């Protein structure tokens, strides 16, 4: 069964770091881009970061630029999100997602992604 499985979340103080991992078991699904989204309680799911599989190009939400880094190990079908200088507003459930194709603007929207992981909780205390 095709799936994405996240890990690495936890409770951390403001200013701390976490590294999230997403292992993909997608078999014949051709991945164009992998992304991280997050959802805080009572809020909509929001884009965090994206990486294109073939050329490694990345992009980030303005709120995390300079603090978060997305990377991938294609040989291990794993995507990472290194999160530094965490803030309380980074709290939420972090989901990874896989898209078979998205345009330059479309890669920021949840609708472009077919497979989703169940998420891993990140809690940042002040």
PDB file of N, CA and C in Angstrom:
ATOM      1  N   UNK A   1       0.850  -1.192   0.000  1.00  0.00           N
ATOM      2  CA  UNK A   1       0.000   0.000   0.000  1.00  0.00           C
ATOM      3  C   UNK A   1       0.881   1.235   0.000  1.00  0.00           C
ATOM      4  N   UNK A   2       0.615   2.146  -0.940  1.00  0.00           N
ATOM      5  CA  UNK A   2       1.403   3.361  -1.027  1.00  0.00           C
ATOM      6  C   UNK A   2       1.150   4.229   0.201  1.00  0.00           C
ATOM      7  N   UNK A   3       2.218   4.787   0.742  1.00  0.00           N
ATOM      8  CA  UNK A   3       2.043   5.611   1.932  1.00  0.00           C
ATOM      9  C   UNK A   3       3.244   6.512   2.157  1.00  0.00           C
ATOM     10  N   UNK A   4       2.998   7.552   2.930  1.00  0.00           N
ATOM     11  CA  UNK A   4       4.031   8.443   3.439  1.00  0.00           C
ATOM     12  C   UNK A   4       3.981   8.375   4.957  1.00  0.00           C
ATOM     13  N   UNK A   5       5.133   8.255   5.587  1.00  0.00           N
ATOM     14  CA  UNK A   5       5.173   8.139   7.041  1.00  0.00           C
ATOM     15  C   UNK A   5       6.150   9.171   7.599  1.00  0.00           C
ATOM     16  N   UNK A   6       5.614  10.077   8.422  1.00  0.00           N
ATOM     17  CA  UNK A   6       6.434  11.117   9.030  1.00  0.00           C
ATOM     18  C   UNK A   6       6.905  10.696  10.420  1.00  0.00           C
ATOM     19  N   UNK A   7       8.016  11.287  10.821  1.00  0.00           N
ATOM     20  CA  UNK A   7       8.518  11.089  12.180  1.00  0.00           C
ATOM     21  C   UNK A   7       9.398  12.278  12.548  1.00  0.00           C
ATOM     22  N   UNK A   8       9.734  12.367  13.843  1.00  0.00           N
ATOM     23  CA  UNK A   8      10.664  13.393  14.290  1.00  0.00           C
ATOM     24  C   UNK A   8      10.057  14.547  15.038  1.00  0.00           C
ATOM     25  N   UNK A   9       8.731  14.571  15.135  1.00  0.00           N
ATOM     26  CA  UNK A   9       8.105  15.650  15.880  1.00  0.00           C
ATOM     27  C   UNK A   9       8.335  15.512  17.373  1.00  0.00           C
ATOM     28  N   UNK A  10       7.916  16.530  18.107  1.00  0.00           N
ATOM     29  CA  UNK A  10       8.073  16.488  19.550  1.00  0.00           C
ATOM     30  C   UNK A  10       7.832  17.837  20.181  1.00  0.00           C
ATOM     31  N   UNK A  11       8.180  17.919  21.458  1.00  0.00           N
ATOM     32  CA  UNK A  11       8.044  19.158  22.234  1.00  0.00           C
ATOM     33  C   UNK A  11       9.421  19.797  22.372  1.00  0.00           C
ATOM     34  N   UNK A  12       9.499  21.073  22.035  1.00  0.00           N
ATOM     35  CA  UNK A  12      10.782  21.773  22.096  1.00  0.00           C
ATOM     36  C   UNK A  12      10.543  23.207  22.563  1.00  0.00           C
ATOM     37  N   UNK A  13      11.531  23.772  23.212  1.00  0.00           N
ATOM     38  CA  UNK A  13      11.420  25.164  23.641  1.00  0.00           C
ATOM     39  C   UNK A  13      11.697  26.097  22.463  1.00  0.00           C
ATOM     40  N   UNK A  14      11.162  27.295  22.562  1.00  0.00           N
ATOM     41  CA  UNK A  14      11.424  28.303  21.539  1.00  0.00           C
ATOM     42  C   UNK A  14      12.928  28.490  21.380  1.00  0.00           C
ATOM     43  N   UNK A  15      13.355  28.573  20.120  1.00  0.00           N
ATOM     44  CA  UNK A  15      14.775  28.683  19.823  1.00  0.00           C
ATOM     45  C   UNK A  15      15.437  27.344  19.541  1.00  0.00           C
ATOM     46  N   UNK A  16      14.737  26.278  19.827  1.00  0.00           N
ATOM     47  CA  UNK A  16      15.279  24.945  19.624  1.00  0.00           C
ATOM     48  C   UNK A  16      15.132  24.461  18.193  1.00  0.00           C
ATOM     49  N   UNK A  17      15.537  23.205  17.983  1.00  0.00           N
ATOM     50  CA  UNK A  17      15.529  22.618  16.640  1.00  0.00           C
ATOM     51  C   UNK A  17      14.891  21.236  16.649  1.00  0.00           C
ATOM     52  N   UNK A  18      14.343  20.876  15.526  1.00  0.00           N
ATOM     53  CA  UNK A  18      13.836  19.523  15.279  1.00  0.00           C
ATOM     54  C   UNK A  18      14.128  19.164  13.828  1.00  0.00           C
ATOM     55  N   UNK A  19      14.246  17.883  13.577  1.00  0.00           N
ATOM     56  CA  UNK A  19      14.400  17.403  12.207  1.00  0.00           C
ATOM     57  C   UNK A  19      13.322  16.376  11.926  1.00  0.00           C
ATOM     58  N   UNK A  20      12.450  16.690  10.982  1.00  0.00           N
ATOM     59  CA  UNK A  20      11.385  15.793  10.587  1.00  0.00           C
ATOM     60  C   UNK A  20      11.839  14.940   9.406  1.00  0.00           C
ATOM     61  N   UNK A  21      11.334  13.723   9.364  1.00  0.00           N
ATOM     62  CA  UNK A  21      11.616  12.819   8.245  1.00  0.00           C
ATOM     63  C   UNK A  21      10.297  12.320   7.666  1.00  0.00           C
ATOM     64  N   UNK A  22      10.316  12.048   6.377  1.00  0.00           N
ATOM     65  CA  UNK A  22       9.149  11.487   5.698  1.00  0.00           C
ATOM     66  C   UNK A  22       9.643  10.382   4.769  1.00  0.00           C
ATOM     67  N   UNK A  23       9.270   9.159   5.081  1.00  0.00           N
ATOM     68  CA  UNK A  23       9.656   8.026   4.251  1.00  0.00           C
ATOM     69  C   UNK A  23       8.512   7.700   3.304  1.00  0.00           C
ATOM     70  N   UNK A  24       8.831   7.651   2.026  1.00  0.00           N
ATOM     71  CA  UNK A  24       7.818   7.421   1.001  1.00  0.00           C
ATOM     72  C   UNK A  24       7.892   5.992   0.481  1.00  0.00           C
ATOM     73  N   UNK A  25       6.744   5.357   0.456  1.00  0.00           N
ATOM     74  CA  UNK A  25       6.606   4.042  -0.183  1.00  0.00           C
ATOM     75  C   UNK A  25       5.511   4.195  -1.221  1.00  0.00           C
ATOM     76  N   UNK A  26       5.900   4.676  -2.411  1.00  0.00           N
ATOM     77  CA  UNK A  26       4.907   5.063  -3.405  1.00  0.00           C
ATOM     78  C   UNK A  26       4.931   4.206  -4.658  1.00  0.00           C
ATOM     79  N   UNK A  27       5.828   3.221  -4.689  1.00  0.00           N
ATOM     80  CA  UNK A  27       5.872   2.237  -5.765  1.00  0.00           C
ATOM     81  C   UNK A  27       5.908   2.895  -7.138  1.00  0.00           C
ATOM     82  N   UNK A  28       4.850   2.770  -7.935  1.00  0.00           N
ATOM     83  CA  UNK A  28       4.895   3.246  -9.317  1.00  0.00           C
ATOM     84  C   UNK A  28       4.513   4.721  -9.463  1.00  0.00           C
ATOM     85  N   UNK A  29       4.136   5.357  -8.394  1.00  0.00           N
ATOM     86  CA  UNK A  29       3.764   6.779  -8.449  1.00  0.00           C
ATOM     87  C   UNK A  29       5.003   7.598  -8.747  1.00  0.00           C
ATOM     88  N   UNK A  30       4.957   8.393  -9.817  1.00  0.00           N
ATOM     89  CA  UNK A  30       6.114   9.205 -10.214  1.00  0.00           C
ATOM     90  C   UNK A  30       6.054  10.545  -9.502  1.00  0.00           C
ATOM     91  N   UNK A  31       6.984  10.730  -8.592  1.00  0.00           N
ATOM     92  CA  UNK A  31       6.994  11.940  -7.774  1.00  0.00           C
ATOM     93  C   UNK A  31       7.650  13.088  -8.526  1.00  0.00           C
ATOM     94  N   UNK A  32       6.933  14.203  -8.628  1.00  0.00           N
ATOM     95  CA  UNK A  32       7.498  15.427  -9.192  1.00  0.00           C
ATOM     96  C   UNK A  32       7.987  16.350  -8.082  1.00  0.00           C
ATOM     97  N   UNK A  33       7.209  16.434  -7.025  1.00  0.00           N
ATOM     98  CA  UNK A  33       7.576  17.309  -5.918  1.00  0.00           C
ATOM     99  C   UNK A  33       7.086  16.716  -4.605  1.00  0.00           C
ATOM    100  N   UNK A  34       7.840  17.004  -3.572  1.00  0.00           N
ATOM    101  CA  UNK A  34       7.441  16.636  -2.213  1.00  0.00           C
ATOM    102  C   UNK A  34       7.392  17.919  -1.396  1.00  0.00           C
ATOM    103  N   UNK A  35       6.407  17.989  -0.529  1.00  0.00           N
ATOM    104  CA  UNK A  35       6.253  19.194   0.288  1.00  0.00           C
ATOM    105  C   UNK A  35       5.952  18.852   1.724  1.00  0.00           C
ATOM    106  N   UNK A  36       6.152  19.847   2.560  1.00  0.00           N
ATOM    107  CA  UNK A  36       5.690  19.815   3.941  1.00  0.00           C
ATOM    108  C   UNK A  36       4.613  20.880   4.095  1.00  0.00           C
ATOM    109  N   UNK A  37       3.521  20.487   4.719  1.00  0.00           N
ATOM    110  CA  UNK A  37       2.456  21.397   5.116  1.00  0.00           C
ATOM    111  C   UNK A  37       2.287  21.259   6.630  1.00  0.00           C
ATOM    112  N   UNK A  38       1.665  22.237   7.219  1.00  0.00           N
ATOM    113  CA  UNK A  38       1.365  22.142   8.654  1.00  0.00           C
ATOM    114  C   UNK A  38      -0.015  22.688   8.928  1.00  0.00           C
ATOM    115  N   UNK A  39      -0.581  22.217  10.034  1.00  0.00           N
ATOM    116  CA  UNK A  39      -1.913  22.677  10.428  1.00  0.00           C
ATOM    117  C   UNK A  39      -1.940  22.883  11.929  1.00  0.00           C
ATOM    118  N   UNK A  40      -2.210  24.108  12.318  1.00  0.00           N
ATOM    119  CA  UNK A  40      -2.344  24.445  13.731  1.00  0.00           C
ATOM    120  C   UNK A  40      -3.806  24.287  14.138  1.00  0.00           C
ATOM    121  N   UNK A  41      -4.071  24.088  15.424  1.00  0.00           N
ATOM    122  CA  UNK A  41      -5.458  23.931  15.885  1.00  0.00           C
ATOM    123  C   UNK A  41      -6.316  25.126  15.474  1.00  0.00           C
ATOM    124  N   UNK A  42      -7.450  24.829  14.871  1.00  0.00           N
ATOM    125  CA  UNK A  42      -8.379  25.877  14.487  1.00  0.00           C
ATOM    126  C   UNK A  42      -7.987  26.647  13.243  1.00  0.00           C
ATOM    127  N   UNK A  43      -6.917  26.232  12.582  1.00  0.00           N
ATOM    128  CA  UNK A  43      -6.454  26.938  11.389  1.00  0.00           C
ATOM    129  C   UNK A  43      -6.418  26.000  10.191  1.00  0.00           C
ATOM    130  N   UNK A  44      -6.366  26.603   9.009  1.00  0.00           N
ATOM    131  CA  UNK A  44      -6.278  25.799   7.805  1.00  0.00           C
ATOM    132  C   UNK A  44      -4.860  25.272   7.599  1.00  0.00           C
ATOM    133  N   UNK A  45      -4.788  24.194   6.837  1.00  0.00           N
ATOM    134  CA  UNK A  45      -3.488  23.646   6.492  1.00  0.00           C
ATOM    135  C   UNK A  45      -2.724  24.648   5.639  1.00  0.00           C
ATOM    136  N   UNK A  46      -1.442  24.845   5.933  1.00  0.00           N
ATOM    137  CA  UNK A  46      -0.661  25.828   5.188  1.00  0.00           C
ATOM    138  C   UNK A  46       0.630  25.218   4.669  1.00  0.00           C
ATOM    139  N   UNK A  47       1.051  25.727   3.519  1.00  0.00           N
ATOM    140  CA  UNK A  47       2.289  25.307   2.892  1.00  0.00           C
ATOM    141  C   UNK A  47       3.478  25.751   3.725  1.00  0.00           C
ATOM    142  N   UNK A  48       4.498  24.862   3.816  1.00  0.00           N
ATOM    143  CA  UNK A  48       5.721  25.182   4.540  1.00  0.00           C
ATOM    144  C   UNK A  48       6.926  25.194   3.606  1.00  0.00           C
ATOM    145  N   UNK A  49       7.126  24.078   2.866  1.00  0.00           N
ATOM    146  CA  UNK A  49       8.319  23.979   2.014  1.00  0.00           C
ATOM    147  C   UNK A  49       8.085  22.927   0.940  1.00  0.00           C
ATOM    148  N   UNK A  50       8.775  23.082  -0.191  1.00  0.00           N
ATOM    149  CA  UNK A  50       8.666  22.149  -1.303  1.00  0.00           C
ATOM    150  C   UNK A  50      10.048  21.861  -1.874  1.00  0.00           C
ATOM    151  N   UNK A  51      10.209  20.643  -2.389  1.00  0.00           N
ATOM    152  CA  UNK A  51      11.431  20.283  -3.102  1.00  0.00           C
ATOM    153  C   UNK A  51      11.039  19.485  -4.339  1.00  0.00           C
ATOM    154  N   UNK A  52      11.598  19.887  -5.490  1.00  0.00           N
ATOM    155  CA  UNK A  52      11.339  19.157  -6.728  1.00  0.00           C
ATOM    156  C   UNK A  52      12.317  18.003  -6.837  1.00  0.00           C
ATOM    157  N   UNK A  53      11.814  16.844  -7.163  1.00  0.00           N
ATOM    158  CA  UNK A  53      12.624  15.629  -7.101  1.00  0.00           C
ATOM    159  C   UNK A  53      13.786  15.660  -8.098  1.00  0.00           C
ATOM    160  N   UNK A  54      13.543  16.057  -9.314  1.00  0.00           N
ATOM    161  CA  UNK A  54      14.556  15.902 -10.359  1.00  0.00           C
ATOM    162  C   UNK A  54      15.718  16.881 -10.242  1.00  0.00           C
ATOM    163  N   UNK A  55      15.426  18.127  -9.873  1.00  0.00           N
ATOM    164  CA  UNK A  55      16.498  19.117  -9.847  1.00  0.00           C
ATOM    165  C   UNK A  55      16.801  19.671  -8.466  1.00  0.00           C
ATOM    166  N   UNK A  56      16.015  19.233  -7.462  1.00  0.00           N
ATOM    167  CA  UNK A  56      16.315  19.650  -6.099  1.00  0.00           C
ATOM    168  C   UNK A  56      15.981  21.083  -5.765  1.00  0.00           C
ATOM    169  N   UNK A  57      15.277  21.763  -6.679  1.00  0.00           N
ATOM    170  CA  UNK A  57      14.913  23.156  -6.395  1.00  0.00           C
ATOM    171  C   UNK A  57      13.941  23.203  -5.224  1.00  0.00           C
ATOM    172  N   UNK A  58      14.162  24.139  -4.336  1.00  0.00           N
ATOM    173  CA  UNK A  58      13.338  24.262  -3.128  1.00  0.00           C
ATOM    174  C   UNK A  58      12.707  25.637  -3.033  1.00  0.00           C
ATOM    175  N   UNK A  59      11.659  25.709  -2.240  1.00  0.00           N
ATOM    176  CA  UNK A  59      11.051  26.994  -1.915  1.00  0.00           C
ATOM    177  C   UNK A  59      10.363  26.876  -0.565  1.00  0.00           C
ATOM    178  N   UNK A  60      10.131  28.041   0.058  1.00  0.00           N
ATOM    179  CA  UNK A  60       9.632  28.055   1.421  1.00  0.00           C
ATOM    180  C   UNK A  60       8.564  29.126   1.603  1.00  0.00           C
ATOM    181  N   UNK A  61       7.721  28.895   2.581  1.00  0.00           N
ATOM    182  CA  UNK A  61       6.814  29.947   3.008  1.00  0.00           C
ATOM    183  C   UNK A  61       7.651  31.063   3.640  1.00  0.00           C
ATOM    184  N   UNK A  62       7.191  32.291   3.483  1.00  0.00           N
ATOM    185  CA  UNK A  62       7.943  33.424   4.020  1.00  0.00           C
ATOM    186  C   UNK A  62       8.172  33.285   5.527  1.00  0.00           C
ATOM    187  N   UNK A  63       7.221  32.694   6.224  1.00  0.00           N
ATOM    188  CA  UNK A  63       7.295  32.595   7.682  1.00  0.00           C
ATOM    189  C   UNK A  63       8.418  31.682   8.169  1.00  0.00           C
ATOM    190  N   UNK A  64       8.951  30.833   7.282  1.00  0.00           N
ATOM    191  CA  UNK A  64       9.998  29.884   7.707  1.00  0.00           C
ATOM    192  C   UNK A  64      11.319  30.088   6.987  1.00  0.00           C
ATOM    193  N   UNK A  65      11.356  30.991   6.029  1.00  0.00           N
ATOM    194  CA  UNK A  65      12.598  31.225   5.279  1.00  0.00           C
ATOM    195  C   UNK A  65      13.722  31.616   6.215  1.00  0.00           C
ATOM    196  N   UNK A  66      14.880  31.011   5.996  1.00  0.00           N
ATOM    197  CA  UNK A  66      16.044  31.292   6.828  1.00  0.00           C
ATOM    198  C   UNK A  66      16.113  30.448   8.088  1.00  0.00           C
ATOM    199  N   UNK A  67      15.019  29.751   8.410  1.00  0.00           N
ATOM    200  CA  UNK A  67      14.999  28.920   9.619  1.00  0.00           C
ATOM    201  C   UNK A  67      14.827  27.436   9.294  1.00  0.00           C
ATOM    202  N   UNK A  68      14.073  27.122   8.248  1.00  0.00           N
ATOM    203  CA  UNK A  68      13.794  25.738   7.875  1.00  0.00           C
ATOM    204  C   UNK A  68      14.535  25.389   6.589  1.00  0.00           C
ATOM    205  N   UNK A  69      14.924  24.109   6.481  1.00  0.00           N
ATOM    206  CA  UNK A  69      15.575  23.616   5.267  1.00  0.00           C
ATOM    207  C   UNK A  69      14.967  22.280   4.887  1.00  0.00           C
ATOM    208  N   UNK A  70      14.485  22.186   3.645  1.00  0.00           N
ATOM    209  CA  UNK A  70      13.957  20.928   3.130  1.00  0.00           C
ATOM    210  C   UNK A  70      15.041  20.269   2.282  1.00  0.00           C
ATOM    211  N   UNK A  71      15.159  18.952   2.408  1.00  0.00           N
ATOM    212  CA  UNK A  71      16.136  18.204   1.626  1.00  0.00           C
ATOM    213  C   UNK A  71      15.580  16.821   1.354  1.00  0.00           C
ATOM    214  N   UNK A  72      16.240  16.107   0.460  1.00  0.00           N
ATOM    215  CA  UNK A  72      15.769  14.765   0.135  1.00  0.00           C
ATOM    216  C   UNK A  72      16.932  13.827  -0.122  1.00  0.00           C
ATOM    217  N   UNK A  73      16.685  12.576   0.150  1.00  0.00           N
ATOM    218  CA  UNK A  73      17.607  11.491  -0.178  1.00  0.00           C
ATOM    219  C   UNK A  73      16.815  10.563  -1.085  1.00  0.00           C
ATOM    220  N   UNK A  74      16.954  10.766  -2.386  1.00  0.00           N
ATOM    221  CA  UNK A  74      16.128  10.011  -3.327  1.00  0.00           C
ATOM    222  C   UNK A  74      16.411   8.519  -3.267  1.00  0.00           C
ATOM    223  N   UNK A  75      17.638   8.159  -2.965  1.00  0.00           N
ATOM    224  CA  UNK A  75      17.977   6.737  -2.877  1.00  0.00           C
ATOM    225  C   UNK A  75      17.220   6.058  -1.738  1.00  0.00           C
ATOM    226  N   UNK A  76      16.919   6.827  -0.716  1.00  0.00           N
ATOM    227  CA  UNK A  76      16.189   6.279   0.432  1.00  0.00           C
ATOM    228  C   UNK A  76      14.720   6.689   0.429  1.00  0.00           C
ATOM    229  N   UNK A  77      14.294   7.394  -0.644  1.00  0.00           N
ATOM    230  CA  UNK A  77      12.892   7.840  -0.726  1.00  0.00           C
ATOM    231  C   UNK A  77      12.471   8.567   0.542  1.00  0.00           C
ATOM    232  N   UNK A  78      13.320   9.440   0.992  1.00  0.00           N
ATOM    233  CA  UNK A  78      13.074  10.160   2.239  1.00  0.00           C
ATOM    234  C   UNK A  78      13.254  11.654   2.023  1.00  0.00           C
ATOM    235  N   UNK A  79      12.348  12.414   2.616  1.00  0.00           N
ATOM    236  CA  UNK A  79      12.423  13.872   2.596  1.00  0.00           C
ATOM    237  C   UNK A  79      12.554  14.344   4.039  1.00  0.00           C
ATOM    238  N   UNK A  80      13.361  15.363   4.229  1.00  0.00           N
ATOM    239  CA  UNK A  80      13.622  15.880   5.572  1.00  0.00           C
ATOM    240  C   UNK A  80      13.198  17.344   5.672  1.00  0.00           C
ATOM    241  N   UNK A  81      12.910  17.762   6.882  1.00  0.00           N
ATOM    242  CA  UNK A  81      12.675  19.175   7.163  1.00  0.00           C
ATOM    243  C   UNK A  81      13.447  19.518   8.424  1.00  0.00           C
ATOM    244  N   UNK A  82      14.548  20.222   8.248  1.00  0.00           N
ATOM    245  CA  UNK A  82      15.332  20.698   9.390  1.00  0.00           C
ATOM    246  C   UNK A  82      14.748  22.027   9.835  1.00  0.00           C
ATOM    247  N   UNK A  83      14.355  22.087  11.085  1.00  0.00           N
ATOM    248  CA  UNK A  83      13.698  23.279  11.618  1.00  0.00           C
ATOM    249  C   UNK A  83      14.550  23.850  12.740  1.00  0.00           C
ATOM    250  N   UNK A  84      15.054  25.046  12.533  1.00  0.00           N
ATOM    251  CA  UNK A  84      15.894  25.717  13.529  1.00  0.00           C
ATOM    252  C   UNK A  84      15.199  26.980  14.033  1.00  0.00           C
ATOM    253  N   UNK A  85      15.648  27.453  15.181  1.00  0.00           N
ATOM    254  CA  UNK A  85      15.095  28.674  15.777  1.00  0.00           C
ATOM    255  C   UNK A  85      13.570  28.618  15.797  1.00  0.00           C
ATOM    256  N   UNK A  86      13.049  27.542  16.320  1.00  0.00           N
ATOM    257  CA  UNK A  86      11.609  27.338  16.330  1.00  0.00           C
ATOM    258  C   UNK A  86      10.905  28.369  17.190  1.00  0.00           C
ATOM    259  N   UNK A  87       9.693  28.724  16.775  1.00  0.00           N
ATOM    260  CA  UNK A  87       8.871  29.700  17.469  1.00  0.00           C
ATOM    261  C   UNK A  87       7.545  29.054  17.869  1.00  0.00           C
ATOM    262  N   UNK A  88       6.881  29.584  18.873  1.00  0.00           N
ATOM    263  CA  UNK A  88       5.587  29.010  19.276  1.00  0.00           C
ATOM    264  C   UNK A  88       4.590  28.945  18.114  1.00  0.00           C
ATOM    265  N   UNK A  89       4.659  29.892  17.202  1.00  0.00           N
ATOM    266  CA  UNK A  89       3.729  29.879  16.070  1.00  0.00           C
ATOM    267  C   UNK A  89       4.048  28.778  15.056  1.00  0.00           C
ATOM    268  N   UNK A  90       5.131  28.057  15.237  1.00  0.00           N
ATOM    269  CA  UNK A  90       5.423  26.901  14.390  1.00  0.00           C
ATOM    270  C   UNK A  90       4.692  25.643  14.873  1.00  0.00           C
ATOM    271  N   UNK A  91       4.026  25.732  15.991  1.00  0.00           N
ATOM    272  CA  UNK A  91       3.301  24.591  16.540  1.00  0.00           C
ATOM    273  C   UNK A  91       2.214  24.117  15.590  1.00  0.00           C
ATOM    274  N   UNK A  92       2.129  22.795  15.431  1.00  0.00           N
ATOM    275  CA  UNK A  92       1.082  22.228  14.579  1.00  0.00           C
ATOM    276  C   UNK A  92       1.424  20.795  14.207  1.00  0.00           C
ATOM    277  N   UNK A  93       0.538  20.200  13.440  1.00  0.00           N
ATOM    278  CA  UNK A  93       0.797  18.874  12.881  1.00  0.00           C
ATOM    279  C   UNK A  93       1.420  19.064  11.504  1.00  0.00           C
ATOM    280  N   UNK A  94       2.573  18.452  11.314  1.00  0.00           N
ATOM    281  CA  UNK A  94       3.312  18.597  10.061  1.00  0.00           C
ATOM    282  C   UNK A  94       3.081  17.355   9.203  1.00  0.00           C
ATOM    283  N   UNK A  95       2.628  17.606   7.981  1.00  0.00           N
ATOM    284  CA  UNK A  95       2.342  16.531   7.038  1.00  0.00           C
ATOM    285  C   UNK A  95       3.282  16.632   5.841  1.00  0.00           C
ATOM    286  N   UNK A  96       3.767  15.499   5.354  1.00  0.00           N
ATOM    287  CA  UNK A  96       4.431  15.538   4.067  1.00  0.00           C
ATOM    288  C   UNK A  96       3.446  15.082   2.996  1.00  0.00           C
ATOM    289  N   UNK A  97       3.711  15.502   1.766  1.00  0.00           N
ATOM    290  CA  UNK A  97       2.801  15.234   0.666  1.00  0.00           C
ATOM    291  C   UNK A  97       3.589  15.065  -0.626  1.00  0.00           C
ATOM    292  N   UNK A  98       3.030  14.264  -1.536  1.00  0.00           N
ATOM    293  CA  UNK A  98       3.697  13.984  -2.806  1.00  0.00           C
ATOM    294  C   UNK A  98       2.787  14.353  -3.967  1.00  0.00           C
ATOM    295  N   UNK A  99       3.399  14.993  -4.967  1.00  0.00           N
ATOM    296  CA  UNK A  99       2.676  15.398  -6.164  1.00  0.00           C
ATOM    297  C   UNK A  99       3.326  14.786  -7.398  1.00  0.00           C
ATOM    298  N   UNK A 100       2.477  14.363  -8.361  1.00  0.00           N
ATOM    299  CA  UNK A 100       3.019  13.840  -9.618  1.00  0.00           C
ATOM    300  C   UNK A 100       3.349  14.965 -10.588  1.00  0.00           C
ATOM    301  N   UNK A 101       2.719  16.119 -10.353  1.00  0.00           N
ATOM    302  CA  UNK A 101       3.048  17.306 -11.128  1.00  0.00           C
ATOM    303  C   UNK A 101       2.375  18.517 -10.514  1.00  0.00           C
ATOM    304  N   UNK A 102       3.094  19.626 -10.497  1.00  0.00           N
ATOM    305  CA  UNK A 102       2.498  20.900 -10.133  1.00  0.00           C
ATOM    306  C   UNK A 102       3.254  21.997 -10.848  1.00  0.00           C
ATOM    307  N   UNK A 103       2.538  23.006 -11.272  1.00  0.00           N
ATOM    308  CA  UNK A 103       3.170  24.141 -11.915  1.00  0.00           C
ATOM    309  C   UNK A 103       3.911  24.940 -10.852  1.00  0.00           C
ATOM    310  N   UNK A 104       4.675  25.912 -11.304  1.00  0.00           N
ATOM    311  CA  UNK A 104       5.471  26.700 -10.357  1.00  0.00           C
ATOM    312  C   UNK A 104       4.593  27.326  -9.276  1.00  0.00           C
ATOM    313  N   UNK A 105       3.411  27.809  -9.660  1.00  0.00           N
ATOM    314  CA  UNK A 105       2.514  28.389  -8.646  1.00  0.00           C
ATOM    315  C   UNK A 105       1.725  27.311  -7.916  1.00  0.00           C
ATOM    316  N   UNK A 106       1.442  26.208  -8.599  1.00  0.00           N
ATOM    317  CA  UNK A 106       0.570  25.193  -8.020  1.00  0.00           C
ATOM    318  C   UNK A 106       1.213  24.366  -6.934  1.00  0.00           C
ATOM    319  N   UNK A 107       2.526  24.346  -6.870  1.00  0.00           N
ATOM    320  CA  UNK A 107       3.195  23.515  -5.872  1.00  0.00           C
ATOM    321  C   UNK A 107       2.968  24.010  -4.452  1.00  0.00           C
ATOM    322  N   UNK A 108       2.377  25.203  -4.323  1.00  0.00           N
ATOM    323  CA  UNK A 108       2.129  25.730  -2.992  1.00  0.00           C
ATOM    324  C   UNK A 108       0.747  25.365  -2.469  1.00  0.00           C
ATOM    325  N   UNK A 109      -0.077  24.785  -3.312  1.00  0.00           N
ATOM    326  CA  UNK A 109      -1.443  24.471  -2.930  1.00  0.00           C
ATOM    327  C   UNK A 109      -1.637  23.003  -2.606  1.00  0.00           C
ATOM    328  N   UNK A 110      -2.408  22.729  -1.567  1.00  0.00           N
ATOM    329  CA  UNK A 110      -2.641  21.357  -1.138  1.00  0.00           C
ATOM    330  C   UNK A 110      -3.325  20.525  -2.213  1.00  0.00           C
ATOM    331  N   UNK A 111      -4.099  21.157  -3.074  1.00  0.00           N
ATOM    332  CA  UNK A 111      -4.830  20.433  -4.113  1.00  0.00           C
ATOM    333  C   UNK A 111      -3.907  19.738  -5.105  1.00  0.00           C
ATOM    334  N   UNK A 112      -2.666  20.149  -5.206  1.00  0.00           N
ATOM    335  CA  UNK A 112      -1.730  19.557  -6.155  1.00  0.00           C
ATOM    336  C   UNK A 112      -1.139  18.241  -5.682  1.00  0.00           C
ATOM    337  N   UNK A 113      -1.429  17.872  -4.450  1.00  0.00           N
ATOM    338  CA  UNK A 113      -0.773  16.714  -3.844  1.00  0.00           C
ATOM    339  C   UNK A 113      -1.750  15.562  -3.702  1.00  0.00           C
ATOM    340  N   UNK A 114      -1.292  14.383  -4.133  1.00  0.00           N
ATOM    341  CA  UNK A 114      -2.174  13.205  -4.146  1.00  0.00           C
ATOM    342  C   UNK A 114      -2.006  12.345  -2.901  1.00  0.00           C
ATOM    343  N   UNK A 115      -0.759  12.174  -2.473  1.00  0.00           N
ATOM    344  CA  UNK A 115      -0.507  11.338  -1.294  1.00  0.00           C
ATOM    345  C   UNK A 115      -0.122  12.220  -0.107  1.00  0.00           C
ATOM    346  N   UNK A 116      -0.659  11.852   1.049  1.00  0.00           N
ATOM    347  CA  UNK A 116      -0.420  12.590   2.287  1.00  0.00           C
ATOM    348  C   UNK A 116      -0.069  11.630   3.403  1.00  0.00           C
ATOM    349  N   UNK A 117       0.848  12.055   4.259  1.00  0.00           N
ATOM    350  CA  UNK A 117       1.100  11.310   5.467  1.00  0.00           C
ATOM    351  C   UNK A 117       0.133  11.717   6.567  1.00  0.00           C
ATOM    352  N   UNK A 118       0.106  10.959   7.639  1.00  0.00           N
ATOM    353  CA  UNK A 118      -0.812  11.245   8.750  1.00  0.00           C
ATOM    354  C   UNK A 118      -0.333  12.403   9.608  1.00  0.00           C
ATOM    355  N   UNK A 119       0.934  12.705   9.517  1.00  0.00           N
ATOM    356  CA  UNK A 119       1.454  13.863  10.236  1.00  0.00           C
ATOM    357  C   UNK A 119       2.208  13.511  11.500  1.00  0.00           C
ATOM    358  N   UNK A 120       3.014  14.470  11.928  1.00  0.00           N
ATOM    359  CA  UNK A 120       3.748  14.369  13.187  1.00  0.00           C
ATOM    360  C   UNK A 120       3.601  15.688  13.936  1.00  0.00           C
ATOM    361  N   UNK A 121       3.330  15.596  15.234  1.00  0.00           N
ATOM    362  CA  UNK A 121       3.040  16.790  16.025  1.00  0.00           C
ATOM    363  C   UNK A 121       4.326  17.513  16.418  1.00  0.00           C
ATOM    364  N   UNK A 122       4.329  18.813  16.194  1.00  0.00           N
ATOM    365  CA  UNK A 122       5.417  19.675  16.645  1.00  0.00           C
ATOM    366  C   UNK A 122       4.831  20.700  17.597  1.00  0.00           C
ATOM    367  N   UNK A 123       5.362  20.761  18.801  1.00  0.00           N
ATOM    368  CA  UNK A 123       4.893  21.719  19.793  1.00  0.00           C
ATOM    369  C   UNK A 123       6.071  22.540  20.285  1.00  0.00           C
ATOM    370  N   UNK A 124       5.968  23.853  20.155  1.00  0.00           N
ATOM    371  CA  UNK A 124       7.035  24.758  20.569  1.00  0.00           C
ATOM    372  C   UNK A 124       6.524  25.583  21.730  1.00  0.00           C
ATOM    373  N   UNK A 125       7.178  25.449  22.859  1.00  0.00           N
ATOM    374  CA  UNK A 125       6.768  26.191  24.055  1.00  0.00           C
ATOM    375  C   UNK A 125       7.542  27.498  24.152  1.00  0.00           C
ATOM    376  N   UNK A 126       6.897  28.488  24.734  1.00  0.00           N
ATOM    377  CA  UNK A 126       7.533  29.813  24.858  1.00  0.00           C
ATOM    378  C   UNK A 126       8.346  29.939  26.135  1.00  0.00           C
TER     379      UNK A 126
END
